[in-house]
Amino acid sequence: MSRRSYDQYCAVARALDAVGERWSLLIVRELLAGPRRYTDLHADLPGVSTDILAARLKQLESEGVIERRRLERPANATVYELTARGAALRPVVAALGVWGLDALGEQRPTDAVRTHWITGGVEEPVATSVEEPVGETAGV
């Protein structure tokens, strides 16, 4: 699969070259909670094909966003985890979560749900801001 690039000397374009493909930031979202096996990632990313997941993992690894690590016995499994560069995406994913709240609306019957998506999975839970009613301020 050949990768496309924006071919622009712009930090946003280069960032999107690295993580802008469909599913890439959702993979990062899953790895923000810690290392995950391929099968766990596939289970928590409903709708992604195994071919696409494998391609995105390979691309994110080549971009230095994630790395593959073999666990010692008794686990004896391979896991994917964020590098320091990938972990730096935490505030980006959190901001996208807050930004996307307005578009969330009611859950559709076809929507998959995982508890860690609702609680945020990025240390700070993604929640709506609570605004004070107009005219009510403390101490005034």
Protein backbone atom coordinates (compact mmCIF):
# COMPACT_ATOMS: atom_id res chain seq x y z
CA MET A 1 0.00 0.00 0.00
CA SER A 2 1.56 3.28 -1.02
CA ARG A 3 1.31 6.12 1.48
CA ARG A 4 0.01 9.48 0.44
CA SER A 5 1.50 12.70 1.67
CA TYR A 6 0.24 16.25 1.67
CA ASP A 7 3.71 17.28 0.44
CA GLN A 8 3.44 20.56 2.32
CA TYR A 9 6.15 22.14 4.44
CA CYS A 10 3.70 22.61 7.32
CA ALA A 11 3.72 21.02 10.77
CA VAL A 12 -0.02 20.21 10.63
CA ALA A 13 0.37 18.52 7.24
CA ARG A 14 3.37 16.50 8.46
CA ALA A 15 1.48 15.48 11.59
CA LEU A 16 -1.42 14.32 9.44
CA ASP A 17 1.02 12.42 7.23
CA ALA A 18 1.96 10.48 10.38
CA VAL A 19 -1.42 9.99 12.11
CA GLY A 20 -4.10 11.29 9.76
CA GLU A 21 -5.13 8.02 8.12
CA ARG A 22 -8.46 6.55 9.14
CA TRP A 23 -8.15 4.46 12.34
CA SER A 24 -4.70 5.82 13.28
CA LEU A 25 -5.81 8.13 16.10
CA LEU A 26 -8.26 5.51 17.36
CA ILE A 27 -5.34 3.09 17.66
CA VAL A 28 -3.44 5.78 19.56
CA ARG A 29 -6.53 6.28 21.79
CA GLU A 30 -6.47 2.58 22.65
CA LEU A 31 -2.74 2.60 23.40
CA LEU A 32 -2.96 5.62 25.69
CA ALA A 33 -4.15 3.23 28.40
CA GLY A 34 -1.02 1.09 28.01
CA PRO A 35 0.43 -1.72 25.90
CA ARG A 36 -2.07 -3.89 24.01
CA ARG A 37 -1.91 -7.12 22.06
CA TYR A 38 -3.05 -7.13 18.42
CA THR A 39 -6.11 -9.22 19.30
CA ASP A 40 -7.09 -6.77 22.06
CA LEU A 41 -6.74 -3.82 19.70
CA HIS A 42 -8.85 -5.58 17.08
CA ALA A 43 -11.53 -6.41 19.65
CA ASP A 44 -11.75 -2.78 20.85
CA LEU A 45 -11.78 -1.27 17.36
CA PRO A 46 -14.99 -2.72 15.95
CA GLY A 47 -15.28 -2.22 12.22
CA VAL A 48 -11.57 -2.22 11.39
CA SER A 49 -10.45 -5.06 9.16
CA THR A 50 -7.40 -7.09 10.12
CA ASP A 51 -5.61 -5.87 6.97
CA ILE A 52 -6.22 -2.21 7.78
CA LEU A 53 -5.26 -2.66 11.44
CA ALA A 54 -2.01 -4.38 10.47
CA ALA A 55 -1.25 -1.64 7.90
CA ARG A 56 -1.94 1.17 10.38
CA LEU A 57 0.18 -0.47 13.08
CA LYS A 58 3.04 -0.85 10.60
CA GLN A 59 2.69 2.80 9.49
CA LEU A 60 2.51 4.12 13.06
CA GLU A 61 5.59 2.06 13.90
CA SER A 62 7.50 3.44 10.91
CA GLU A 63 6.53 6.98 11.99
CA GLY A 64 7.93 6.36 15.48
CA VAL A 65 4.50 6.70 17.12
CA ILE A 66 4.31 3.12 18.42
CA GLU A 67 6.65 0.22 18.94
CA ARG A 68 6.26 -3.51 19.10
CA ARG A 69 7.66 -5.35 22.10
CA ARG A 70 7.86 -9.03 22.93
CA LEU A 71 6.86 -9.81 26.52
CA GLU A 72 8.89 -12.29 28.54
CA ARG A 73 7.48 -15.57 29.80
CA PRO A 74 4.94 -16.41 31.14
CA ALA A 75 3.06 -13.85 29.00
CA ASN A 76 5.11 -14.66 25.89
CA ALA A 77 3.13 -12.25 23.72
CA THR A 78 3.82 -9.31 21.46
CA VAL A 79 2.33 -5.98 22.45
CA TYR A 80 2.11 -2.57 20.85
CA GLU A 81 2.80 0.51 22.92
CA LEU A 82 3.23 4.21 22.40
CA THR A 83 6.67 5.73 22.12
CA ALA A 84 7.37 9.09 23.74
CA ARG A 85 6.33 10.67 20.42
CA GLY A 86 3.06 8.73 20.49
CA ALA A 87 2.38 9.54 24.14
CA ALA A 88 2.73 13.23 23.23
CA LEU A 89 -0.57 12.80 21.34
CA ARG A 90 -2.47 12.44 24.65
CA PRO A 91 -3.60 16.10 24.78
CA VAL A 92 -4.48 15.98 21.07
CA VAL A 93 -6.74 12.95 21.54
CA ALA A 94 -8.26 14.47 24.68
CA ALA A 95 -8.94 17.75 22.84
CA LEU A 96 -10.54 15.88 19.93
CA GLY A 97 -12.76 14.06 22.44
CA VAL A 98 -13.93 17.32 23.97
CA TRP A 99 -14.37 18.90 20.53
CA GLY A 100 -16.41 15.91 19.34
CA LEU A 101 -18.87 16.00 22.24
CA ASP A 102 -21.19 18.40 20.40
CA ALA A 103 -21.48 15.93 17.51
CA LEU A 104 -22.06 12.88 19.73
CA GLY A 105 -25.82 13.16 20.12
CA GLU A 106 -27.87 10.11 21.02
CA GLN A 107 -26.38 6.65 20.66
CA ARG A 108 -27.52 4.96 17.46
CA PRO A 109 -28.52 1.28 17.48
CA THR A 110 -25.52 0.48 15.27
CA ASP A 111 -22.97 2.30 17.49
CA ALA A 112 -20.39 0.14 19.24
CA VAL A 113 -19.57 1.22 22.79
CA ARG A 114 -16.69 0.48 25.12
CA THR A 115 -16.63 1.78 28.69
CA HIS A 116 -13.16 3.24 28.33
CA TRP A 117 -14.34 5.36 25.39
CA ILE A 118 -16.93 7.03 27.62
CA THR A 119 -14.58 7.56 30.55
CA GLY A 120 -11.95 8.93 28.22
CA GLY A 121 -9.11 6.43 28.55
CA VAL A 122 -6.69 9.37 28.44
CA GLU A 123 -6.29 9.98 32.20
CA GLU A 124 -8.73 12.88 32.35
CA PRO A 125 -12.28 11.69 31.66
CA VAL A 126 -13.84 13.34 28.67
CA ALA A 127 -16.77 15.27 30.12
CA THR A 128 -18.80 18.28 29.24
CA SER A 129 -17.90 21.52 30.94
CA VAL A 130 -20.27 22.80 33.55
CA GLU A 131 -21.13 26.41 32.95
CA GLU A 132 -22.33 28.72 35.70
CA PRO A 133 -25.75 30.23 35.07
CA VAL A 134 -25.55 33.80 33.83
CA GLY A 135 -25.64 36.31 36.66
CA GLU A 136 -24.63 33.85 39.39
CA THR A 137 -21.04 34.27 40.51
CA ALA A 138 -19.44 33.35 43.79
CA GLY A 139 -18.79 36.20 46.17
CA VAL A 140 -20.56 38.91 44.17
